[in-house]
Each structure stands twice: as C-alpha cells, then as structure tokens.
Amino acid sequence: MSLSILAICDEVTATSFMKQSYGFTKLIPSLVTGAGYVTSFYFLSLTLRTVPTGVAYAIWSGVGVVLITIIAWRFQGQKLDIPAPTGMALIVIGVVTLNLFSSSTSH
C-alpha cells in the first residue's frame, strides 16, 4: 500500500505544479511536473504487482482527484460549491468500499 501512496503523492505534486509551469514555459515547475509523473507511473506500475489494475487505478485517480481539488482550493484560489465536496465524499466512500468490502482487491 505504501507504493500506491507514493504514486498518488507524486501524481498530485505533478498536477499541482503543472499550473505553475504556465504551459511548460517555466523551467522548475515543468521539471517537477515531469519528474512527478514519471515517478508516479513507476510506483503505480509496482503497485500493479499486487493490486488488480482496475482497483489500483480507481484508488489512484479517486484519491488524486480529491487531493488535487483540495490543493487547488487551498493554494490556487479554486472555488468550490456544494456539489464539489459532496462528489468528493462519494469518491472517498467508493475508495473505502473497495478497500474494505470488495473481494476484487486481491489478485
């Protein structure tokens, strides 16, 4: 599970820095974005050794969406209306359901 956490954190970092890269015209944010995606996919590929692809991707993308939205709201001025946190709560419920109750999480 720790590899999937690294994959998620690297993807969230990469996506967050992409905005700062201004279309890849700023060097440092562009490098952070590229490195973040490369390491994220690397750790995701290692996760796929023990977690089925559909489950791993659902967790990776679901948690990533929630974290990126929180970062964009907190640090980049994104506005959130009532449906936004409601939808994110449903994503979290789905990820928790997959991890706790689904037999498809084992190979």
PDB file of N, CA and C in Angstrom:
ATOM      1  N   MET A   1       0.820  -1.207   0.000  1.00  0.00           N
ATOM      2  CA  MET A   1       0.000   0.000   0.000  1.00  0.00           C
ATOM      3  C   MET A   1       0.856   1.260   0.000  1.00  0.00           C
ATOM      4  N   SER A   2       2.055   1.203   0.557  1.00  0.00           N
ATOM      5  CA  SER A   2       2.897   2.398   0.605  1.00  0.00           C
ATOM      6  C   SER A   2       3.335   2.838  -0.796  1.00  0.00           C
ATOM      7  N   LEU A   3       3.497   1.884  -1.729  1.00  0.00           N
ATOM      8  CA  LEU A   3       3.849   2.260  -3.101  1.00  0.00           C
ATOM      9  C   LEU A   3       2.711   3.028  -3.762  1.00  0.00           C
ATOM     10  N   SER A   4       1.485   2.627  -3.485  1.00  0.00           N
ATOM     11  CA  SER A   4       0.360   3.350  -4.070  1.00  0.00           C
ATOM     12  C   SER A   4       0.253   4.757  -3.473  1.00  0.00           C
ATOM     13  N   ILE A   5       0.601   4.909  -2.216  1.00  0.00           N
ATOM     14  CA  ILE A   5       0.593   6.243  -1.602  1.00  0.00           C
ATOM     15  C   ILE A   5       1.641   7.130  -2.270  1.00  0.00           C
ATOM     16  N   LEU A   6       2.823   6.572  -2.535  1.00  0.00           N
ATOM     17  CA  LEU A   6       3.858   7.331  -3.240  1.00  0.00           C
ATOM     18  C   LEU A   6       3.388   7.710  -4.646  1.00  0.00           C
ATOM     19  N   ALA A   7       2.739   6.777  -5.334  1.00  0.00           N
ATOM     20  CA  ALA A   7       2.227   7.059  -6.679  1.00  0.00           C
ATOM     21  C   ALA A   7       1.219   8.198  -6.640  1.00  0.00           C
ATOM     22  N   ILE A   8       0.331   8.172  -5.672  1.00  0.00           N
ATOM     23  CA  ILE A   8      -0.688   9.222  -5.546  1.00  0.00           C
ATOM     24  C   ILE A   8      -0.040  10.563  -5.217  1.00  0.00           C
ATOM     25  N   CYS A   9       0.857  10.578  -4.260  1.00  0.00           N
ATOM     26  CA  CYS A   9       1.513  11.838  -3.861  1.00  0.00           C
ATOM     27  C   CYS A   9       2.307  12.446  -5.009  1.00  0.00           C
ATOM     28  N   ASP A  10       3.018  11.616  -5.769  1.00  0.00           N
ATOM     29  CA  ASP A  10       3.795  12.126  -6.897  1.00  0.00           C
ATOM     30  C   ASP A  10       2.885  12.678  -7.990  1.00  0.00           C
ATOM     31  N   GLU A  11       1.773  12.004  -8.237  1.00  0.00           N
ATOM     32  CA  GLU A  11       0.824  12.483  -9.259  1.00  0.00           C
ATOM     33  C   GLU A  11       0.178  13.796  -8.830  1.00  0.00           C
ATOM     34  N   VAL A  12      -0.179  13.905  -7.568  1.00  0.00           N
ATOM     35  CA  VAL A  12      -0.779  15.137  -7.051  1.00  0.00           C
ATOM     36  C   VAL A  12       0.227  16.290  -7.133  1.00  0.00           C
ATOM     37  N   THR A  13       1.466  16.022  -6.777  1.00  0.00           N
ATOM     38  CA  THR A  13       2.512  17.042  -6.875  1.00  0.00           C
ATOM     39  C   THR A  13       2.691  17.487  -8.322  1.00  0.00           C
ATOM     40  N   ALA A  14       2.783  16.513  -9.229  1.00  0.00           N
ATOM     41  CA  ALA A  14       2.976  16.834 -10.649  1.00  0.00           C
ATOM     42  C   ALA A  14       1.831  17.677 -11.190  1.00  0.00           C
ATOM     43  N   THR A  15       0.621  17.286 -10.891  1.00  0.00           N
ATOM     44  CA  THR A  15      -0.542  18.021 -11.395  1.00  0.00           C
ATOM     45  C   THR A  15      -0.615  19.420 -10.800  1.00  0.00           C
ATOM     46  N   SER A  16      -0.291  19.545  -9.531  1.00  0.00           N
ATOM     47  CA  SER A  16      -0.313  20.854  -8.875  1.00  0.00           C
ATOM     48  C   SER A  16       0.732  21.787  -9.481  1.00  0.00           C
ATOM     49  N   PHE A  17       1.915  21.258  -9.779  1.00  0.00           N
ATOM     50  CA  PHE A  17       2.971  22.086 -10.353  1.00  0.00           C
ATOM     51  C   PHE A  17       2.729  22.393 -11.826  1.00  0.00           C
ATOM     52  N   MET A  18       1.877  21.607 -12.484  1.00  0.00           N
ATOM     53  CA  MET A  18       1.607  21.869 -13.893  1.00  0.00           C
ATOM     54  C   MET A  18       1.020  23.266 -14.078  1.00  0.00           C
ATOM     55  N   LYS A  19       0.157  23.672 -13.168  1.00  0.00           N
ATOM     56  CA  LYS A  19      -0.419  25.019 -13.261  1.00  0.00           C
ATOM     57  C   LYS A  19       0.687  26.069 -13.158  1.00  0.00           C
ATOM     58  N   GLN A  20       1.651  25.841 -12.269  1.00  0.00           N
ATOM     59  CA  GLN A  20       2.735  26.798 -12.075  1.00  0.00           C
ATOM     60  C   GLN A  20       3.693  26.832 -13.270  1.00  0.00           C
ATOM     61  N   SER A  21       3.653  25.796 -14.123  1.00  0.00           N
ATOM     62  CA  SER A  21       4.572  25.744 -15.258  1.00  0.00           C
ATOM     63  C   SER A  21       4.156  26.683 -16.399  1.00  0.00           C
ATOM     64  N   TYR A  22       2.916  27.192 -16.357  1.00  0.00           N
ATOM     65  CA  TYR A  22       2.406  28.095 -17.394  1.00  0.00           C
ATOM     66  C   TYR A  22       2.647  27.518 -18.786  1.00  0.00           C
ATOM     67  N   GLY A  23       2.072  26.333 -19.006  1.00  0.00           N
ATOM     68  CA  GLY A  23       2.202  25.690 -20.310  1.00  0.00           C
ATOM     69  C   GLY A  23       3.622  25.228 -20.594  1.00  0.00           C
ATOM     70  N   PHE A  24       4.310  24.803 -19.551  1.00  0.00           N
ATOM     71  CA  PHE A  24       5.691  24.327 -19.630  1.00  0.00           C
ATOM     72  C   PHE A  24       6.663  25.403 -20.106  1.00  0.00           C
ATOM     73  N   THR A  25       6.377  26.660 -19.756  1.00  0.00           N
ATOM     74  CA  THR A  25       7.290  27.755 -20.093  1.00  0.00           C
ATOM     75  C   THR A  25       8.182  28.137 -18.909  1.00  0.00           C
ATOM     76  N   LYS A  26       7.890  27.628 -17.719  1.00  0.00           N
ATOM     77  CA  LYS A  26       8.703  27.876 -16.525  1.00  0.00           C
ATOM     78  C   LYS A  26       9.483  26.602 -16.214  1.00  0.00           C
ATOM     79  N   LEU A  27      10.798  26.689 -16.142  1.00  0.00           N
ATOM     80  CA  LEU A  27      11.660  25.505 -16.060  1.00  0.00           C
ATOM     81  C   LEU A  27      11.420  24.651 -14.822  1.00  0.00           C
ATOM     82  N   ILE A  28      11.533  25.218 -13.638  1.00  0.00           N
ATOM     83  CA  ILE A  28      11.469  24.414 -12.415  1.00  0.00           C
ATOM     84  C   ILE A  28      10.107  23.736 -12.254  1.00  0.00           C
ATOM     85  N   PRO A  29       8.989  24.462 -12.359  1.00  0.00           N
ATOM     86  CA  PRO A  29       7.703  23.764 -12.257  1.00  0.00           C
ATOM     87  C   PRO A  29       7.525  22.700 -13.350  1.00  0.00           C
ATOM     88  N   SER A  30       8.051  22.948 -14.535  1.00  0.00           N
ATOM     89  CA  SER A  30       7.962  21.958 -15.616  1.00  0.00           C
ATOM     90  C   SER A  30       8.746  20.696 -15.267  1.00  0.00           C
ATOM     91  N   LEU A  31       9.929  20.866 -14.692  1.00  0.00           N
ATOM     92  CA  LEU A  31      10.740  19.714 -14.289  1.00  0.00           C
ATOM     93  C   LEU A  31      10.074  18.931 -13.160  1.00  0.00           C
ATOM     94  N   VAL A  32       9.490  19.646 -12.197  1.00  0.00           N
ATOM     95  CA  VAL A  32       8.773  18.973 -11.109  1.00  0.00           C
ATOM     96  C   VAL A  32       7.585  18.195 -11.663  1.00  0.00           C
ATOM     97  N   THR A  33       6.874  18.785 -12.614  1.00  0.00           N
ATOM     98  CA  THR A  33       5.736  18.102 -13.238  1.00  0.00           C
ATOM     99  C   THR A  33       6.191  16.824 -13.933  1.00  0.00           C
ATOM    100  N   GLY A  34       7.207  16.915 -14.749  1.00  0.00           N
ATOM    101  CA  GLY A  34       7.703  15.742 -15.473  1.00  0.00           C
ATOM    102  C   GLY A  34       8.207  14.662 -14.536  1.00  0.00           C
ATOM    103  N   ALA A  35       9.012  15.049 -13.570  1.00  0.00           N
ATOM    104  CA  ALA A  35       9.556  14.069 -12.616  1.00  0.00           C
ATOM    105  C   ALA A  35       8.439  13.436 -11.799  1.00  0.00           C
ATOM    106  N   GLY A  36       7.452  14.237 -11.415  1.00  0.00           N
ATOM    107  CA  GLY A  36       6.342  13.713 -10.627  1.00  0.00           C
ATOM    108  C   GLY A  36       5.545  12.672 -11.380  1.00  0.00           C
ATOM    109  N   TYR A  37       5.282  12.921 -12.654  1.00  0.00           N
ATOM    110  CA  TYR A  37       4.529  11.941 -13.443  1.00  0.00           C
ATOM    111  C   TYR A  37       5.338  10.674 -13.692  1.00  0.00           C
ATOM    112  N   VAL A  38       6.625  10.825 -13.976  1.00  0.00           N
ATOM    113  CA  VAL A  38       7.471   9.639 -14.209  1.00  0.00           C
ATOM    114  C   VAL A  38       7.516   8.769 -12.958  1.00  0.00           C
ATOM    115  N   THR A  39       7.764   9.371 -11.805  1.00  0.00           N
ATOM    116  CA  THR A  39       7.843   8.570 -10.575  1.00  0.00           C
ATOM    117  C   THR A  39       6.468   8.038 -10.174  1.00  0.00           C
ATOM    118  N   SER A  40       5.424   8.815 -10.440  1.00  0.00           N
ATOM    119  CA  SER A  40       4.082   8.344 -10.120  1.00  0.00           C
ATOM    120  C   SER A  40       3.740   7.079 -10.903  1.00  0.00           C
ATOM    121  N   PHE A  41       3.999   7.102 -12.206  1.00  0.00           N
ATOM    122  CA  PHE A  41       3.704   5.919 -13.020  1.00  0.00           C
ATOM    123  C   PHE A  41       4.612   4.753 -12.649  1.00  0.00           C
ATOM    124  N   TYR A  42       5.842   5.052 -12.259  1.00  0.00           N
ATOM    125  CA  TYR A  42       6.738   3.983 -11.810  1.00  0.00           C
ATOM    126  C   TYR A  42       6.162   3.293 -10.565  1.00  0.00           C
ATOM    127  N   PHE A  43       5.794   4.076  -9.561  1.00  0.00           N
ATOM    128  CA  PHE A  43       5.245   3.481  -8.337  1.00  0.00           C
ATOM    129  C   PHE A  43       3.890   2.822  -8.584  1.00  0.00           C
ATOM    130  N   LEU A  44       3.100   3.390  -9.496  1.00  0.00           N
ATOM    131  CA  LEU A  44       1.844   2.744  -9.852  1.00  0.00           C
ATOM    132  C   LEU A  44       2.111   1.390 -10.514  1.00  0.00           C
ATOM    133  N   SER A  45       3.120   1.316 -11.364  1.00  0.00           N
ATOM    134  CA  SER A  45       3.447   0.034 -12.004  1.00  0.00           C
ATOM    135  C   SER A  45       3.882  -1.007 -10.980  1.00  0.00           C
ATOM    136  N   LEU A  46       4.591  -0.581  -9.951  1.00  0.00           N
ATOM    137  CA  LEU A  46       4.985  -1.515  -8.887  1.00  0.00           C
ATOM    138  C   LEU A  46       3.771  -1.958  -8.076  1.00  0.00           C
ATOM    139  N   THR A  47       2.843  -1.046  -7.868  1.00  0.00           N
ATOM    140  CA  THR A  47       1.608  -1.372  -7.148  1.00  0.00           C
ATOM    141  C   THR A  47       0.831  -2.454  -7.891  1.00  0.00           C
ATOM    142  N   LEU A  48       0.874  -2.408  -9.222  1.00  0.00           N
ATOM    143  CA  LEU A  48       0.109  -3.362 -10.033  1.00  0.00           C
ATOM    144  C   LEU A  48       0.618  -4.797  -9.902  1.00  0.00           C
ATOM    145  N   ARG A  49       1.747  -4.973  -9.268  1.00  0.00           N
ATOM    146  CA  ARG A  49       2.229  -6.332  -8.996  1.00  0.00           C
ATOM    147  C   ARG A  49       1.340  -7.053  -7.996  1.00  0.00           C
ATOM    148  N   THR A  50       0.718  -6.281  -7.106  1.00  0.00           N
ATOM    149  CA  THR A  50      -0.065  -6.902  -6.024  1.00  0.00           C
ATOM    150  C   THR A  50      -1.528  -6.471  -5.986  1.00  0.00           C
ATOM    151  N   VAL A  51      -1.880  -5.432  -6.723  1.00  0.00           N
ATOM    152  CA  VAL A  51      -3.252  -4.925  -6.709  1.00  0.00           C
ATOM    153  C   VAL A  51      -3.784  -4.972  -8.140  1.00  0.00           C
ATOM    154  N   PRO A  52      -5.001  -5.484  -8.329  1.00  0.00           N
ATOM    155  CA  PRO A  52      -5.571  -5.517  -9.687  1.00  0.00           C
ATOM    156  C   PRO A  52      -5.621  -4.123 -10.311  1.00  0.00           C
ATOM    157  N   THR A  53      -5.463  -4.073 -11.621  1.00  0.00           N
ATOM    158  CA  THR A  53      -5.365  -2.809 -12.342  1.00  0.00           C
ATOM    159  C   THR A  53      -6.555  -1.891 -12.093  1.00  0.00           C
ATOM    160  N   GLY A  54      -7.760  -2.404 -12.216  1.00  0.00           N
ATOM    161  CA  GLY A  54      -8.956  -1.575 -12.040  1.00  0.00           C
ATOM    162  C   GLY A  54      -9.055  -0.980 -10.653  1.00  0.00           C
ATOM    163  N   VAL A  55      -8.730  -1.769  -9.658  1.00  0.00           N
ATOM    164  CA  VAL A  55      -8.785  -1.301  -8.269  1.00  0.00           C
ATOM    165  C   VAL A  55      -7.700  -0.261  -8.021  1.00  0.00           C
ATOM    166  N   ALA A  56      -6.476  -0.556  -8.469  1.00  0.00           N
ATOM    167  CA  ALA A  56      -5.362   0.381  -8.259  1.00  0.00           C
ATOM    168  C   ALA A  56      -5.657   1.718  -8.929  1.00  0.00           C
ATOM    169  N   TYR A  57      -6.163   1.666 -10.159  1.00  0.00           N
ATOM    170  CA  TYR A  57      -6.441   2.905 -10.871  1.00  0.00           C
ATOM    171  C   TYR A  57      -7.588   3.675 -10.225  1.00  0.00           C
ATOM    172  N   ALA A  58      -8.601   2.969  -9.761  1.00  0.00           N
ATOM    173  CA  ALA A  58      -9.721   3.638  -9.090  1.00  0.00           C
ATOM    174  C   ALA A  58      -9.235   4.379  -7.844  1.00  0.00           C
ATOM    175  N   ILE A  59      -8.389   3.738  -7.077  1.00  0.00           N
ATOM    176  CA  ILE A  59      -7.864   4.370  -5.860  1.00  0.00           C
ATOM    177  C   ILE A  59      -6.951   5.530  -6.225  1.00  0.00           C
ATOM    178  N   TRP A  60      -6.024   5.283  -7.149  1.00  0.00           N
ATOM    179  CA  TRP A  60      -5.039   6.297  -7.566  1.00  0.00           C
ATOM    180  C   TRP A  60      -5.739   7.542  -8.101  1.00  0.00           C
ATOM    181  N   SER A  61      -6.673   7.352  -9.001  1.00  0.00           N
ATOM    182  CA  SER A  61      -7.331   8.510  -9.599  1.00  0.00           C
ATOM    183  C   SER A  61      -8.327   9.153  -8.636  1.00  0.00           C
ATOM    184  N   GLY A  62      -9.062   8.351  -7.871  1.00  0.00           N
ATOM    185  CA  GLY A  62     -10.051   8.896  -6.945  1.00  0.00           C
ATOM    186  C   GLY A  62      -9.436   9.734  -5.846  1.00  0.00           C
ATOM    187  N   VAL A  63      -8.436   9.186  -5.194  1.00  0.00           N
ATOM    188  CA  VAL A  63      -7.758   9.937  -4.126  1.00  0.00           C
ATOM    189  C   VAL A  63      -7.034  11.142  -4.723  1.00  0.00           C
ATOM    190  N   GLY A  64      -6.457  10.959  -5.911  1.00  0.00           N
ATOM    191  CA  GLY A  64      -5.777  12.069  -6.574  1.00  0.00           C
ATOM    192  C   GLY A  64      -6.714  13.233  -6.861  1.00  0.00           C
ATOM    193  N   VAL A  65      -7.907  12.942  -7.358  1.00  0.00           N
ATOM    194  CA  VAL A  65      -8.889  13.993  -7.649  1.00  0.00           C
ATOM    195  C   VAL A  65      -9.232  14.772  -6.381  1.00  0.00           C
ATOM    196  N   VAL A  66      -9.461  14.062  -5.313  1.00  0.00           N
ATOM    197  CA  VAL A  66      -9.816  14.732  -4.058  1.00  0.00           C
ATOM    198  C   VAL A  66      -8.659  15.606  -3.571  1.00  0.00           C
ATOM    199  N   LEU A  67      -7.448  15.060  -3.547  1.00  0.00           N
ATOM    200  CA  LEU A  67      -6.298  15.829  -3.049  1.00  0.00           C
ATOM    201  C   LEU A  67      -5.991  17.032  -3.933  1.00  0.00           C
ATOM    202  N   ILE A  68      -6.047  16.857  -5.251  1.00  0.00           N
ATOM    203  CA  ILE A  68      -5.767  17.964  -6.158  1.00  0.00           C
ATOM    204  C   ILE A  68      -6.816  19.065  -5.996  1.00  0.00           C
ATOM    205  N   THR A  69      -8.066  18.684  -5.825  1.00  0.00           N
ATOM    206  CA  THR A  69      -9.126  19.675  -5.633  1.00  0.00           C
ATOM    207  C   THR A  69      -8.913  20.456  -4.343  1.00  0.00           C
ATOM    208  N   ILE A  70      -8.523  19.766  -3.279  1.00  0.00           N
ATOM    209  CA  ILE A  70      -8.256  20.444  -2.005  1.00  0.00           C
ATOM    210  C   ILE A  70      -7.077  21.402  -2.150  1.00  0.00           C
ATOM    211  N   ILE A  71      -6.012  20.972  -2.811  1.00  0.00           N
ATOM    212  CA  ILE A  71      -4.842  21.834  -3.010  1.00  0.00           C
ATOM    213  C   ILE A  71      -5.211  23.042  -3.867  1.00  0.00           C
ATOM    214  N   ALA A  72      -5.969  22.814  -4.939  1.00  0.00           N
ATOM    215  CA  ALA A  72      -6.376  23.927  -5.805  1.00  0.00           C
ATOM    216  C   ALA A  72      -7.257  24.919  -5.048  1.00  0.00           C
ATOM    217  N   TRP A  73      -8.123  24.408  -4.189  1.00  0.00           N
ATOM    218  CA  TRP A  73      -8.988  25.279  -3.377  1.00  0.00           C
ATOM    219  C   TRP A  73      -8.159  26.065  -2.367  1.00  0.00           C
ATOM    220  N   ARG A  74      -7.250  25.369  -1.708  1.00  0.00           N
ATOM    221  CA  ARG A  74      -6.482  25.985  -0.618  1.00  0.00           C
ATOM    222  C   ARG A  74      -5.388  26.935  -1.111  1.00  0.00           C
ATOM    223  N   PHE A  75      -4.691  26.554  -2.183  1.00  0.00           N
ATOM    224  CA  PHE A  75      -3.496  27.307  -2.582  1.00  0.00           C
ATOM    225  C   PHE A  75      -3.619  28.019  -3.930  1.00  0.00           C
ATOM    226  N   GLN A  76      -4.619  27.648  -4.749  1.00  0.00           N
ATOM    227  CA  GLN A  76      -4.693  28.238  -6.086  1.00  0.00           C
ATOM    228  C   GLN A  76      -5.984  29.006  -6.325  1.00  0.00           C
ATOM    229  N   GLY A  77      -6.758  29.202  -5.284  1.00  0.00           N
ATOM    230  CA  GLY A  77      -7.946  30.039  -5.374  1.00  0.00           C
ATOM    231  C   GLY A  77      -9.146  29.414  -6.064  1.00  0.00           C
ATOM    232  N   GLN A  78      -9.164  28.104  -6.238  1.00  0.00           N
ATOM    233  CA  GLN A  78     -10.325  27.454  -6.862  1.00  0.00           C
ATOM    234  C   GLN A  78     -11.523  27.557  -5.931  1.00  0.00           C
ATOM    235  N   LYS A  79     -12.676  27.910  -6.495  1.00  0.00           N
ATOM    236  CA  LYS A  79     -13.911  27.997  -5.720  1.00  0.00           C
ATOM    237  C   LYS A  79     -14.626  26.653  -5.766  1.00  0.00           C
ATOM    238  N   LEU A  80     -15.203  26.250  -4.641  1.00  0.00           N
ATOM    239  CA  LEU A  80     -15.951  25.000  -4.560  1.00  0.00           C
ATOM    240  C   LEU A  80     -17.378  25.298  -4.131  1.00  0.00           C
ATOM    241  N   ASP A  81     -18.335  24.768  -4.895  1.00  0.00           N
ATOM    242  CA  ASP A  81     -19.734  24.887  -4.497  1.00  0.00           C
ATOM    243  C   ASP A  81     -20.131  23.613  -3.740  1.00  0.00           C
ATOM    244  N   ILE A  82     -21.367  23.519  -3.313  1.00  0.00           N
ATOM    245  CA  ILE A  82     -21.838  22.379  -2.511  1.00  0.00           C
ATOM    246  C   ILE A  82     -21.676  21.033  -3.229  1.00  0.00           C
ATOM    247  N   PRO A  83     -21.973  20.934  -4.523  1.00  0.00           N
ATOM    248  CA  PRO A  83     -21.803  19.633  -5.177  1.00  0.00           C
ATOM    249  C   PRO A  83     -20.353  19.125  -5.200  1.00  0.00           C
ATOM    250  N   ALA A  84     -19.380  20.020  -5.183  1.00  0.00           N
ATOM    251  CA  ALA A  84     -17.981  19.599  -5.262  1.00  0.00           C
ATOM    252  C   ALA A  84     -17.569  18.734  -4.066  1.00  0.00           C
ATOM    253  N   PRO A  85     -17.708  19.201  -2.820  1.00  0.00           N
ATOM    254  CA  PRO A  85     -17.337  18.328  -1.703  1.00  0.00           C
ATOM    255  C   PRO A  85     -18.249  17.116  -1.569  1.00  0.00           C
ATOM    256  N   THR A  86     -19.491  17.257  -2.020  1.00  0.00           N
ATOM    257  CA  THR A  86     -20.401  16.107  -1.995  1.00  0.00           C
ATOM    258  C   THR A  86     -19.882  15.013  -2.923  1.00  0.00           C
ATOM    259  N   GLY A  87     -19.506  15.402  -4.126  1.00  0.00           N
ATOM    260  CA  GLY A  87     -18.947  14.444  -5.074  1.00  0.00           C
ATOM    261  C   GLY A  87     -17.656  13.831  -4.575  1.00  0.00           C
ATOM    262  N   MET A  88     -16.808  14.648  -3.959  1.00  0.00           N
ATOM    263  CA  MET A  88     -15.554  14.120  -3.413  1.00  0.00           C
ATOM    264  C   MET A  88     -15.813  13.146  -2.277  1.00  0.00           C
ATOM    265  N   ALA A  89     -16.815  13.429  -1.470  1.00  0.00           N
ATOM    266  CA  ALA A  89     -17.171  12.494  -0.393  1.00  0.00           C
ATOM    267  C   ALA A  89     -17.610  11.155  -0.976  1.00  0.00           C
ATOM    268  N   LEU A  90     -18.354  11.199  -2.071  1.00  0.00           N
ATOM    269  CA  LEU A  90     -18.766   9.952  -2.729  1.00  0.00           C
ATOM    270  C   LEU A  90     -17.561   9.187  -3.276  1.00  0.00           C
ATOM    271  N   ILE A  91     -16.570   9.904  -3.792  1.00  0.00           N
ATOM    272  CA  ILE A  91     -15.335   9.252  -4.258  1.00  0.00           C
ATOM    273  C   ILE A  91     -14.645   8.562  -3.096  1.00  0.00           C
ATOM    274  N   VAL A  92     -14.508   9.255  -1.979  1.00  0.00           N
ATOM    275  CA  VAL A  92     -13.861   8.677  -0.799  1.00  0.00           C
ATOM    276  C   VAL A  92     -14.638   7.450  -0.314  1.00  0.00           C
ATOM    277  N   ILE A  93     -15.956   7.537  -0.298  1.00  0.00           N
ATOM    278  CA  ILE A  93     -16.777   6.384   0.104  1.00  0.00           C
ATOM    279  C   ILE A  93     -16.524   5.211  -0.841  1.00  0.00           C
ATOM    280  N   GLY A  94     -16.399   5.493  -2.129  1.00  0.00           N
ATOM    281  CA  GLY A  94     -16.116   4.429  -3.091  1.00  0.00           C
ATOM    282  C   GLY A  94     -14.766   3.780  -2.868  1.00  0.00           C
ATOM    283  N   VAL A  95     -13.745   4.581  -2.599  1.00  0.00           N
ATOM    284  CA  VAL A  95     -12.402   4.039  -2.345  1.00  0.00           C
ATOM    285  C   VAL A  95     -12.405   3.207  -1.067  1.00  0.00           C
ATOM    286  N   VAL A  96     -13.041   3.698  -0.022  1.00  0.00           N
ATOM    287  CA  VAL A  96     -13.121   2.948   1.237  1.00  0.00           C
ATOM    288  C   VAL A  96     -13.879   1.647   1.028  1.00  0.00           C
ATOM    289  N   THR A  97     -14.968   1.701   0.284  1.00  0.00           N
ATOM    290  CA  THR A  97     -15.748   0.487  -0.002  1.00  0.00           C
ATOM    291  C   THR A  97     -14.897  -0.541  -0.738  1.00  0.00           C
ATOM    292  N   LEU A  98     -14.158  -0.098  -1.754  1.00  0.00           N
ATOM    293  CA  LEU A  98     -13.274  -1.014  -2.481  1.00  0.00           C
ATOM    294  C   LEU A  98     -12.266  -1.674  -1.548  1.00  0.00           C
ATOM    295  N   ASN A  99     -11.647  -0.873  -0.694  1.00  0.00           N
ATOM    296  CA  ASN A  99     -10.602  -1.399   0.181  1.00  0.00           C
ATOM    297  C   ASN A  99     -11.123  -2.291   1.287  1.00  0.00           C
ATOM    298  N   LEU A 100     -12.283  -1.992   1.831  1.00  0.00           N
ATOM    299  CA  LEU A 100     -12.767  -2.740   2.985  1.00  0.00           C
ATOM    300  C   LEU A 100     -13.690  -3.899   2.645  1.00  0.00           C
ATOM    301  N   PHE A 101     -14.471  -3.759   1.588  1.00  0.00           N
ATOM    302  CA  PHE A 101     -15.530  -4.731   1.366  1.00  0.00           C
ATOM    303  C   PHE A 101     -15.444  -5.521   0.071  1.00  0.00           C
ATOM    304  N   SER A 102     -14.632  -5.112  -0.866  1.00  0.00           N
ATOM    305  CA  SER A 102     -14.594  -5.786  -2.161  1.00  0.00           C
ATOM    306  C   SER A 102     -13.564  -6.903  -2.179  1.00  0.00           C
ATOM    307  N   SER A 103     -13.976  -8.060  -2.656  1.00  0.00           N
ATOM    308  CA  SER A 103     -13.023  -9.166  -2.807  1.00  0.00           C
ATOM    309  C   SER A 103     -12.176  -8.986  -4.057  1.00  0.00           C
ATOM    310  N   SER A 104     -12.486  -8.009  -4.889  1.00  0.00           N
ATOM    311  CA  SER A 104     -11.699  -7.763  -6.104  1.00  0.00           C
ATOM    312  C   SER A 104     -10.389  -7.047  -5.830  1.00  0.00           C
ATOM    313  N   THR A 105     -10.125  -6.693  -4.561  1.00  0.00           N
ATOM    314  CA  THR A 105      -8.883  -6.008  -4.248  1.00  0.00           C
ATOM    315  C   THR A 105      -7.708  -6.968  -4.090  1.00  0.00           C
ATOM    316  N   SER A 106      -7.972  -8.270  -4.137  1.00  0.00           N
ATOM    317  CA  SER A 106      -6.874  -9.228  -4.059  1.00  0.00           C
ATOM    318  C   SER A 106      -6.652  -9.837  -5.435  1.00  0.00           C
ATOM    319  N   HIS A 107      -5.405 -10.212  -5.700  1.00  0.00           N
ATOM    320  CA  HIS A 107      -5.053 -10.819  -7.003  1.00  0.00           C
ATOM    321  C   HIS A 107      -5.599 -12.212  -7.101  1.00  0.00           C
TER     322      HIS A 107
END
